[in-house]
PDB file of N, CA and C in Angstrom:
ATOM      1  N   MET A   1      40.845 -37.715   4.293  1.00  0.00           N
ATOM      2  CA  MET A   1      40.677 -36.791   3.190  1.00  0.00           C
ATOM      3  C   MET A   1      39.188 -36.595   2.910  1.00  0.00           C
ATOM      4  N   ARG A   2      38.780 -35.362   2.847  1.00  0.00           N
ATOM      5  CA  ARG A   2      37.375 -35.024   2.594  1.00  0.00           C
ATOM      6  C   ARG A   2      37.069 -35.163   1.121  1.00  0.00           C
ATOM      7  N   LEU A   3      35.949 -35.799   0.823  1.00  0.00           N
ATOM      8  CA  LEU A   3      35.539 -35.959  -0.566  1.00  0.00           C
ATOM      9  C   LEU A   3      34.854 -34.715  -1.106  1.00  0.00           C
ATOM     10  N   ASP A   4      33.958 -34.155  -0.309  1.00  0.00           N
ATOM     11  CA  ASP A   4      33.107 -33.107  -0.816  1.00  0.00           C
ATOM     12  C   ASP A   4      32.466 -32.398   0.364  1.00  0.00           C
ATOM     13  N   THR A   5      31.685 -31.378   0.066  1.00  0.00           N
ATOM     14  CA  THR A   5      30.922 -30.682   1.093  1.00  0.00           C
ATOM     15  C   THR A   5      29.444 -30.857   0.783  1.00  0.00           C
ATOM     16  N   THR A   6      28.700 -31.288   1.785  1.00  0.00           N
ATOM     17  CA  THR A   6      27.254 -31.403   1.666  1.00  0.00           C
ATOM     18  C   THR A   6      26.636 -30.182   2.325  1.00  0.00           C
ATOM     19  N   HIS A   7      25.911 -29.402   1.532  1.00  0.00           N
ATOM     20  CA  HIS A   7      25.288 -28.166   2.012  1.00  0.00           C
ATOM     21  C   HIS A   7      23.807 -28.454   2.285  1.00  0.00           C
ATOM     22  N   ILE A   8      23.383 -28.240   3.522  1.00  0.00           N
ATOM     23  CA  ILE A   8      22.000 -28.522   3.905  1.00  0.00           C
ATOM     24  C   ILE A   8      21.324 -27.226   4.331  1.00  0.00           C
ATOM     25  N   ARG A   9      20.380 -26.769   3.502  1.00  0.00           N
ATOM     26  CA  ARG A   9      19.590 -25.576   3.834  1.00  0.00           C
ATOM     27  C   ARG A   9      18.437 -26.022   4.731  1.00  0.00           C
ATOM     28  N   LEU A  10      18.364 -25.464   5.916  1.00  0.00           N
ATOM     29  CA  LEU A  10      17.350 -25.887   6.883  1.00  0.00           C
ATOM     30  C   LEU A  10      16.018 -25.160   6.723  1.00  0.00           C
ATOM     31  N   LEU A  11      16.034 -23.933   6.241  1.00  0.00           N
ATOM     32  CA  LEU A  11      14.812 -23.136   6.146  1.00  0.00           C
ATOM     33  C   LEU A  11      13.659 -23.851   5.421  1.00  0.00           C
ATOM     34  N   PRO A  12      13.907 -24.525   4.298  1.00  0.00           N
ATOM     35  CA  PRO A  12      12.786 -25.183   3.609  1.00  0.00           C
ATOM     36  C   PRO A  12      12.063 -26.242   4.443  1.00  0.00           C
ATOM     37  N   VAL A  13      12.752 -26.846   5.393  1.00  0.00           N
ATOM     38  CA  VAL A  13      12.099 -27.884   6.211  1.00  0.00           C
ATOM     39  C   VAL A  13      11.693 -27.405   7.599  1.00  0.00           C
ATOM     40  N   THR A  14      12.216 -26.244   8.018  1.00  0.00           N
ATOM     41  CA  THR A  14      11.908 -25.774   9.375  1.00  0.00           C
ATOM     42  C   THR A  14      11.038 -24.532   9.411  1.00  0.00           C
ATOM     43  N   GLY A  15      11.073 -23.720   8.363  1.00  0.00           N
ATOM     44  CA  GLY A  15      10.481 -22.397   8.452  1.00  0.00           C
ATOM     45  C   GLY A  15      11.397 -21.504   9.272  1.00  0.00           C
ATOM     46  N   THR A  16      10.923 -20.305   9.606  1.00  0.00           N
ATOM     47  CA  THR A  16      11.787 -19.329  10.276  1.00  0.00           C
ATOM     48  C   THR A  16      12.023 -19.636  11.757  1.00  0.00           C
ATOM     49  N   PHE A  17      11.214 -20.537  12.335  1.00  0.00           N
ATOM     50  CA  PHE A  17      11.394 -20.947  13.729  1.00  0.00           C
ATOM     51  C   PHE A  17      11.593 -22.460  13.753  1.00  0.00           C
ATOM     52  N   ALA A  18      12.843 -22.878  13.960  1.00  0.00           N
ATOM     53  CA  ALA A  18      13.195 -24.300  13.938  1.00  0.00           C
ATOM     54  C   ALA A  18      12.933 -24.898  15.313  1.00  0.00           C
ATOM     55  N   GLU A  19      11.826 -25.613  15.430  1.00  0.00           N
ATOM     56  CA  GLU A  19      11.448 -26.156  16.734  1.00  0.00           C
ATOM     57  C   GLU A  19      11.099 -27.637  16.707  1.00  0.00           C
ATOM     58  N   ASN A  20      10.805 -28.201  15.538  1.00  0.00           N
ATOM     59  CA  ASN A  20      10.314 -29.572  15.464  1.00  0.00           C
ATOM     60  C   ASN A  20      11.478 -30.555  15.525  1.00  0.00           C
ATOM     61  N   LYS A  21      11.607 -31.238  16.658  1.00  0.00           N
ATOM     62  CA  LYS A  21      12.742 -32.143  16.819  1.00  0.00           C
ATOM     63  C   LYS A  21      12.639 -33.372  15.924  1.00  0.00           C
ATOM     64  N   ASP A  22      11.438 -33.729  15.477  1.00  0.00           N
ATOM     65  CA  ASP A  22      11.311 -34.830  14.524  1.00  0.00           C
ATOM     66  C   ASP A  22      11.913 -34.449  13.172  1.00  0.00           C
ATOM     67  N   VAL A  23      11.727 -33.205  12.768  1.00  0.00           N
ATOM     68  CA  VAL A  23      12.352 -32.701  11.543  1.00  0.00           C
ATOM     69  C   VAL A  23      13.871 -32.721  11.701  1.00  0.00           C
ATOM     70  N   ALA A  24      14.359 -32.271  12.848  1.00  0.00           N
ATOM     71  CA  ALA A  24      15.801 -32.269  13.108  1.00  0.00           C
ATOM     72  C   ALA A  24      16.360 -33.690  13.036  1.00  0.00           C
ATOM     73  N   ARG A  25      15.653 -34.633  13.642  1.00  0.00           N
ATOM     74  CA  ARG A  25      16.092 -36.031  13.623  1.00  0.00           C
ATOM     75  C   ARG A  25      16.140 -36.551  12.187  1.00  0.00           C
ATOM     76  N   ASP A  26      15.120 -36.237  11.394  1.00  0.00           N
ATOM     77  CA  ASP A  26      15.090 -36.674   9.999  1.00  0.00           C
ATOM     78  C   ASP A  26      16.260 -36.092   9.202  1.00  0.00           C
ATOM     79  N   VAL A  27      16.555 -34.822   9.418  1.00  0.00           N
ATOM     80  CA  VAL A  27      17.693 -34.199   8.730  1.00  0.00           C
ATOM     81  C   VAL A  27      18.977 -34.916   9.129  1.00  0.00           C
ATOM     82  N   ARG A  28      19.113 -35.207  10.407  1.00  0.00           N
ATOM     83  CA  ARG A  28      20.318 -35.897  10.886  1.00  0.00           C
ATOM     84  C   ARG A  28      20.438 -37.278  10.251  1.00  0.00           C
ATOM     85  N   ILE A  29      19.360 -38.037  10.278  1.00  0.00           N
ATOM     86  CA  ILE A  29      19.402 -39.421   9.795  1.00  0.00           C
ATOM     87  C   ILE A  29      19.504 -39.499   8.271  1.00  0.00           C
ATOM     88  N   LYS A  30      18.749 -38.671   7.571  1.00  0.00           N
ATOM     89  CA  LYS A  30      18.655 -38.789   6.113  1.00  0.00           C
ATOM     90  C   LYS A  30      19.691 -37.975   5.350  1.00  0.00           C
ATOM     91  N   LYS A  31      20.225 -36.933   5.976  1.00  0.00           N
ATOM     92  CA  LYS A  31      21.155 -36.071   5.242  1.00  0.00           C
ATOM     93  C   LYS A  31      22.546 -35.989   5.878  1.00  0.00           C
ATOM     94  N   ILE A  32      22.590 -35.698   7.184  1.00  0.00           N
ATOM     95  CA  ILE A  32      23.898 -35.483   7.818  1.00  0.00           C
ATOM     96  C   ILE A  32      24.684 -36.790   7.929  1.00  0.00           C
ATOM     97  N   ASN A  33      24.063 -37.822   8.514  1.00  0.00           N
ATOM     98  CA  ASN A  33      24.771 -39.094   8.699  1.00  0.00           C
ATOM     99  C   ASN A  33      25.294 -39.680   7.395  1.00  0.00           C
ATOM    100  N   PRO A  34      24.463 -39.760   6.341  1.00  0.00           N
ATOM    101  CA  PRO A  34      25.002 -40.305   5.083  1.00  0.00           C
ATOM    102  C   PRO A  34      26.187 -39.509   4.539  1.00  0.00           C
ATOM    103  N   ALA A  35      26.125 -38.182   4.670  1.00  0.00           N
ATOM    104  CA  ALA A  35      27.234 -37.344   4.193  1.00  0.00           C
ATOM    105  C   ALA A  35      28.504 -37.628   4.990  1.00  0.00           C
ATOM    106  N   LEU A  36      28.377 -37.737   6.312  1.00  0.00           N
ATOM    107  CA  LEU A  36      29.549 -38.015   7.142  1.00  0.00           C
ATOM    108  C   LEU A  36      30.118 -39.396   6.842  1.00  0.00           C
ATOM    109  N   LYS A  37      29.256 -40.364   6.613  1.00  0.00           N
ATOM    110  CA  LYS A  37      29.721 -41.725   6.308  1.00  0.00           C
ATOM    111  C   LYS A  37      30.495 -41.771   4.989  1.00  0.00           C
ATOM    112  N   LYS A  38      30.181 -40.848   4.061  1.00  0.00           N
ATOM    113  CA  LYS A  38      30.927 -40.741   2.794  1.00  0.00           C
ATOM    114  C   LYS A  38      32.246 -39.998   2.984  1.00  0.00           C
ATOM    115  N   GLY A  39      32.427 -39.406   4.165  1.00  0.00           N
ATOM    116  CA  GLY A  39      33.635 -38.626   4.420  1.00  0.00           C
ATOM    117  C   GLY A  39      33.497 -37.160   4.059  1.00  0.00           C
ATOM    118  N   ASN A  40      32.278 -36.730   3.796  1.00  0.00           N
ATOM    119  CA  ASN A  40      32.045 -35.336   3.420  1.00  0.00           C
ATOM    120  C   ASN A  40      32.008 -34.411   4.630  1.00  0.00           C
ATOM    121  N   GLU A  41      32.357 -33.167   4.397  1.00  0.00           N
ATOM    122  CA  GLU A  41      32.070 -32.114   5.359  1.00  0.00           C
ATOM    123  C   GLU A  41      30.604 -31.761   5.200  1.00  0.00           C
ATOM    124  N   VAL A  42      30.006 -31.244   6.270  1.00  0.00           N
ATOM    125  CA  VAL A  42      28.595 -30.872   6.235  1.00  0.00           C
ATOM    126  C   VAL A  42      28.447 -29.422   6.667  1.00  0.00           C
ATOM    127  N   VAL A  43      27.743 -28.645   5.843  1.00  0.00           N
ATOM    128  CA  VAL A  43      27.417 -27.264   6.187  1.00  0.00           C
ATOM    129  C   VAL A  43      25.923 -27.209   6.476  1.00  0.00           C
ATOM    130  N   LEU A  44      25.582 -26.859   7.705  1.00  0.00           N
ATOM    131  CA  LEU A  44      24.185 -26.666   8.097  1.00  0.00           C
ATOM    132  C   LEU A  44      23.891 -25.179   7.964  1.00  0.00           C
ATOM    133  N   ASP A  45      23.069 -24.842   6.989  1.00  0.00           N
ATOM    134  CA  ASP A  45      22.818 -23.443   6.649  1.00  0.00           C
ATOM    135  C   ASP A  45      21.525 -22.963   7.313  1.00  0.00           C
ATOM    136  N   PHE A  46      21.666 -22.029   8.243  1.00  0.00           N
ATOM    137  CA  PHE A  46      20.543 -21.492   9.003  1.00  0.00           C
ATOM    138  C   PHE A  46      20.018 -20.181   8.410  1.00  0.00           C
ATOM    139  N   ALA A  47      20.363 -19.865   7.168  1.00  0.00           N
ATOM    140  CA  ALA A  47      19.908 -18.619   6.538  1.00  0.00           C
ATOM    141  C   ALA A  47      18.388 -18.537   6.577  1.00  0.00           C
ATOM    142  N   GLY A  48      17.877 -17.391   7.038  1.00  0.00           N
ATOM    143  CA  GLY A  48      16.440 -17.163   7.086  1.00  0.00           C
ATOM    144  C   GLY A  48      15.755 -17.675   8.343  1.00  0.00           C
ATOM    145  N   ILE A  49      16.495 -18.377   9.181  1.00  0.00           N
ATOM    146  CA  ILE A  49      15.921 -18.896  10.419  1.00  0.00           C
ATOM    147  C   ILE A  49      16.167 -17.874  11.528  1.00  0.00           C
ATOM    148  N   ASP A  50      15.070 -17.419  12.126  1.00  0.00           N
ATOM    149  CA  ASP A  50      15.156 -16.387  13.159  1.00  0.00           C
ATOM    150  C   ASP A  50      15.494 -16.954  14.529  1.00  0.00           C
ATOM    151  N   ALA A  51      14.986 -18.152  14.811  1.00  0.00           N
ATOM    152  CA  ALA A  51      15.183 -18.739  16.137  1.00  0.00           C
ATOM    153  C   ALA A  51      15.102 -20.258  16.057  1.00  0.00           C
ATOM    154  N   VAL A  52      15.745 -20.901  17.023  1.00  0.00           N
ATOM    155  CA  VAL A  52      15.698 -22.364  17.157  1.00  0.00           C
ATOM    156  C   VAL A  52      15.451 -22.699  18.622  1.00  0.00           C
ATOM    157  N   THR A  53      14.915 -23.873  18.860  1.00  0.00           N
ATOM    158  CA  THR A  53      14.809 -24.333  20.240  1.00  0.00           C
ATOM    159  C   THR A  53      16.028 -25.194  20.560  1.00  0.00           C
ATOM    160  N   GLN A  54      16.301 -25.288  21.844  1.00  0.00           N
ATOM    161  CA  GLN A  54      17.415 -26.123  22.271  1.00  0.00           C
ATOM    162  C   GLN A  54      17.137 -27.581  21.909  1.00  0.00           C
ATOM    163  N   SER A  55      15.879 -28.012  22.012  1.00  0.00           N
ATOM    164  CA  SER A  55      15.557 -29.404  21.685  1.00  0.00           C
ATOM    165  C   SER A  55      15.761 -29.684  20.193  1.00  0.00           C
ATOM    166  N   PHE A  56      15.500 -28.704  19.328  1.00  0.00           N
ATOM    167  CA  PHE A  56      15.752 -28.881  17.893  1.00  0.00           C
ATOM    168  C   PHE A  56      17.248 -29.104  17.651  1.00  0.00           C
ATOM    169  N   VAL A  57      18.073 -28.236  18.188  1.00  0.00           N
ATOM    170  CA  VAL A  57      19.520 -28.355  17.975  1.00  0.00           C
ATOM    171  C   VAL A  57      20.041 -29.646  18.599  1.00  0.00           C
ATOM    172  N   HIS A  58      19.527 -29.995  19.762  1.00  0.00           N
ATOM    173  CA  HIS A  58      19.939 -31.234  20.410  1.00  0.00           C
ATOM    174  C   HIS A  58      19.629 -32.432  19.511  1.00  0.00           C
ATOM    175  N   ALA A  59      18.422 -32.469  18.962  1.00  0.00           N
ATOM    176  CA  ALA A  59      18.034 -33.577  18.075  1.00  0.00           C
ATOM    177  C   ALA A  59      18.863 -33.573  16.789  1.00  0.00           C
ATOM    178  N   LEU A  60      19.309 -32.407  16.369  1.00  0.00           N
ATOM    179  CA  LEU A  60      20.078 -32.280  15.140  1.00  0.00           C
ATOM    180  C   LEU A  60      21.512 -32.784  15.298  1.00  0.00           C
ATOM    181  N   ILE A  61      22.159 -32.472  16.430  1.00  0.00           N
ATOM    182  CA  ILE A  61      23.605 -32.751  16.516  1.00  0.00           C
ATOM    183  C   ILE A  61      24.064 -33.630  17.671  1.00  0.00           C
ATOM    184  N   SER A  62      23.253 -33.833  18.706  1.00  0.00           N
ATOM    185  CA  SER A  62      23.769 -34.554  19.883  1.00  0.00           C
ATOM    186  C   SER A  62      24.175 -35.991  19.563  1.00  0.00           C
ATOM    187  N   GLU A  63      23.392 -36.681  18.749  1.00  0.00           N
ATOM    188  CA  GLU A  63      23.746 -38.060  18.391  1.00  0.00           C
ATOM    189  C   GLU A  63      25.029 -38.106  17.564  1.00  0.00           C
ATOM    190  N   LEU A  64      25.259 -37.079  16.770  1.00  0.00           N
ATOM    191  CA  LEU A  64      26.498 -37.019  15.989  1.00  0.00           C
ATOM    192  C   LEU A  64      27.701 -36.956  16.918  1.00  0.00           C
ATOM    193  N   ILE A  65      27.586 -36.125  17.957  1.00  0.00           N
ATOM    194  CA  ILE A  65      28.686 -35.984  18.911  1.00  0.00           C
ATOM    195  C   ILE A  65      28.875 -37.281  19.694  1.00  0.00           C
ATOM    196  N   ARG A  66      27.765 -37.931  20.059  1.00  0.00           N
ATOM    197  CA  ARG A  66      27.870 -39.224  20.748  1.00  0.00           C
ATOM    198  C   ARG A  66      28.535 -40.280  19.861  1.00  0.00           C
ATOM    199  N   GLU A  67      28.116 -40.327  18.605  1.00  0.00           N
ATOM    200  CA  GLU A  67      28.609 -41.363  17.694  1.00  0.00           C
ATOM    201  C   GLU A  67      30.040 -41.127  17.235  1.00  0.00           C
ATOM    202  N   TYR A  68      30.346 -39.881  16.865  1.00  0.00           N
ATOM    203  CA  TYR A  68      31.652 -39.586  16.263  1.00  0.00           C
ATOM    204  C   TYR A  68      32.626 -38.898  17.217  1.00  0.00           C
ATOM    205  N   GLY A  69      32.137 -38.478  18.383  1.00  0.00           N
ATOM    206  CA  GLY A  69      32.964 -37.706  19.292  1.00  0.00           C
ATOM    207  C   GLY A  69      32.943 -36.238  18.908  1.00  0.00           C
ATOM    208  N   SER A  70      33.523 -35.402  19.742  1.00  0.00           N
ATOM    209  CA  SER A  70      33.486 -33.963  19.493  1.00  0.00           C
ATOM    210  C   SER A  70      34.260 -33.578  18.234  1.00  0.00           C
ATOM    211  N   GLU A  71      35.093 -34.500  17.716  1.00  0.00           N
ATOM    212  CA  GLU A  71      35.833 -34.226  16.485  1.00  0.00           C
ATOM    213  C   GLU A  71      34.889 -34.003  15.303  1.00  0.00           C
ATOM    214  N   VAL A  72      33.658 -34.495  15.415  1.00  0.00           N
ATOM    215  CA  VAL A  72      32.697 -34.288  14.321  1.00  0.00           C
ATOM    216  C   VAL A  72      32.489 -32.798  14.067  1.00  0.00           C
ATOM    217  N   LEU A  73      32.702 -31.985  15.093  1.00  0.00           N
ATOM    218  CA  LEU A  73      32.528 -30.543  14.943  1.00  0.00           C
ATOM    219  C   LEU A  73      33.630 -29.910  14.090  1.00  0.00           C
ATOM    220  N   ASP A  74      34.661 -30.700  13.764  1.00  0.00           N
ATOM    221  CA  ASP A  74      35.690 -30.231  12.833  1.00  0.00           C
ATOM    222  C   ASP A  74      35.225 -30.335  11.384  1.00  0.00           C
ATOM    223  N   VAL A  75      34.145 -31.096  11.153  1.00  0.00           N
ATOM    224  CA  VAL A  75      33.664 -31.293   9.779  1.00  0.00           C
ATOM    225  C   VAL A  75      32.189 -30.927   9.608  1.00  0.00           C
ATOM    226  N   VAL A  76      31.543 -30.503  10.686  1.00  0.00           N
ATOM    227  CA  VAL A  76      30.163 -30.015  10.614  1.00  0.00           C
ATOM    228  C   VAL A  76      30.207 -28.521  10.934  1.00  0.00           C
ATOM    229  N   PHE A  77      29.722 -27.723  10.002  1.00  0.00           N
ATOM    230  CA  PHE A  77      29.806 -26.277  10.131  1.00  0.00           C
ATOM    231  C   PHE A  77      28.411 -25.664  10.192  1.00  0.00           C
ATOM    232  N   PHE A  78      28.280 -24.610  10.977  1.00  0.00           N
ATOM    233  CA  PHE A  78      27.012 -23.902  11.156  1.00  0.00           C
ATOM    234  C   PHE A  78      27.150 -22.546  10.478  1.00  0.00           C
ATOM    235  N   LYS A  79      26.369 -22.338   9.423  1.00  0.00           N
ATOM    236  CA  LYS A  79      26.512 -21.153   8.584  1.00  0.00           C
ATOM    237  C   LYS A  79      25.266 -20.277   8.691  1.00  0.00           C
ATOM    238  N   ASN A  80      25.463 -18.979   8.558  1.00  0.00           N
ATOM    239  CA  ASN A  80      24.373 -17.989   8.530  1.00  0.00           C
ATOM    240  C   ASN A  80      23.502 -18.030   9.787  1.00  0.00           C
ATOM    241  N   CYS A  81      24.141 -18.200  10.922  1.00  0.00           N
ATOM    242  CA  CYS A  81      23.420 -18.206  12.199  1.00  0.00           C
ATOM    243  C   CYS A  81      23.376 -16.787  12.759  1.00  0.00           C
ATOM    244  N   ASN A  82      22.191 -16.351  13.178  1.00  0.00           N
ATOM    245  CA  ASN A  82      22.152 -15.084  13.892  1.00  0.00           C
ATOM    246  C   ASN A  82      22.637 -15.329  15.323  1.00  0.00           C
ATOM    247  N   GLU A  83      22.718 -14.279  16.103  1.00  0.00           N
ATOM    248  CA  GLU A  83      23.277 -14.387  17.453  1.00  0.00           C
ATOM    249  C   GLU A  83      22.476 -15.340  18.341  1.00  0.00           C
ATOM    250  N   LYS A  84      21.140 -15.287  18.248  1.00  0.00           N
ATOM    251  CA  LYS A  84      20.289 -16.167  19.065  1.00  0.00           C
ATOM    252  C   LYS A  84      20.509 -17.632  18.702  1.00  0.00           C
ATOM    253  N   VAL A  85      20.530 -17.906  17.406  1.00  0.00           N
ATOM    254  CA  VAL A  85      20.722 -19.288  16.941  1.00  0.00           C
ATOM    255  C   VAL A  85      22.099 -19.790  17.365  1.00  0.00           C
ATOM    256  N   ARG A  86      23.114 -18.982  17.163  1.00  0.00           N
ATOM    257  CA  ARG A  86      24.482 -19.377  17.522  1.00  0.00           C
ATOM    258  C   ARG A  86      24.590 -19.674  19.015  1.00  0.00           C
ATOM    259  N   SER A  87      23.919 -18.887  19.852  1.00  0.00           N
ATOM    260  CA  SER A  87      24.020 -19.115  21.294  1.00  0.00           C
ATOM    261  C   SER A  87      23.382 -20.445  21.686  1.00  0.00           C
ATOM    262  N   ILE A  88      22.286 -20.825  21.041  1.00  0.00           N
ATOM    263  CA  ILE A  88      21.657 -22.124  21.340  1.00  0.00           C
ATOM    264  C   ILE A  88      22.562 -23.264  20.880  1.00  0.00           C
ATOM    265  N   ILE A  89      23.146 -23.134  19.700  1.00  0.00           N
ATOM    266  CA  ILE A  89      24.078 -24.163  19.220  1.00  0.00           C
ATOM    267  C   ILE A  89      25.226 -24.311  20.204  1.00  0.00           C
ATOM    268  N   ASP A  90      25.787 -23.189  20.661  1.00  0.00           N
ATOM    269  CA  ASP A  90      26.916 -23.233  21.603  1.00  0.00           C
ATOM    270  C   ASP A  90      26.514 -23.911  22.914  1.00  0.00           C
ATOM    271  N   ILE A  91      25.300 -23.659  23.392  1.00  0.00           N
ATOM    272  CA  ILE A  91      24.822 -24.285  24.630  1.00  0.00           C
ATOM    273  C   ILE A  91      24.779 -25.802  24.459  1.00  0.00           C
ATOM    274  N   VAL A  92      24.206 -26.264  23.359  1.00  0.00           N
ATOM    275  CA  VAL A  92      24.082 -27.704  23.126  1.00  0.00           C
ATOM    276  C   VAL A  92      25.450 -28.349  22.962  1.00  0.00           C
ATOM    277  N   VAL A  93      26.336 -27.719  22.206  1.00  0.00           N
ATOM    278  CA  VAL A  93      27.673 -28.262  22.007  1.00  0.00           C
ATOM    279  C   VAL A  93      28.406 -28.355  23.344  1.00  0.00           C
ATOM    280  N   GLU A  94      28.336 -27.307  24.135  1.00  0.00           N
ATOM    281  CA  GLU A  94      29.000 -27.308  25.435  1.00  0.00           C
ATOM    282  C   GLU A  94      28.432 -28.407  26.343  1.00  0.00           C
ATOM    283  N   TYR A  95      27.110 -28.541  26.357  1.00  0.00           N
ATOM    284  CA  TYR A  95      26.453 -29.572  27.162  1.00  0.00           C
ATOM    285  C   TYR A  95      26.918 -30.974  26.755  1.00  0.00           C
ATOM    286  N   MET A  96      27.038 -31.207  25.454  1.00  0.00           N
ATOM    287  CA  MET A  96      27.400 -32.539  24.956  1.00  0.00           C
ATOM    288  C   MET A  96      28.861 -32.883  25.231  1.00  0.00           C
ATOM    289  N   GLN A  97      29.682 -31.887  25.497  1.00  0.00           N
ATOM    290  CA  GLN A  97      31.102 -32.153  25.711  1.00  0.00           C
ATOM    291  C   GLN A  97      31.467 -32.286  27.184  1.00  0.00           C
ATOM    292  N   VAL A  98      30.477 -32.210  28.047  1.00  0.00           N
ATOM    293  CA  VAL A  98      30.730 -32.332  29.495  1.00  0.00           C
ATOM    294  C   VAL A  98      30.838 -33.790  29.874  1.00  0.00           C
TER     295      VAL A  98
END
């Protein structure tokens, strides 16, 4: 049973081009992991972000998939992604499930 939804706006920490994998790692460790451990759903909000690098997305979600399995994607949601951002997320998710 889900307790709550944790909404994480990425733009304030990434700017319009999300490329810094250290920032992604910090978001994962300090915000996403604690929310998942509480049983919360997590919404990663990409509003205002024009582009991301594959390494940023990898640092953001790959450890989650390793730790929790691909089922984590049932409770982690990607919101307000433009087509470019969504395609990078899909590439990383597909890579992690091989």
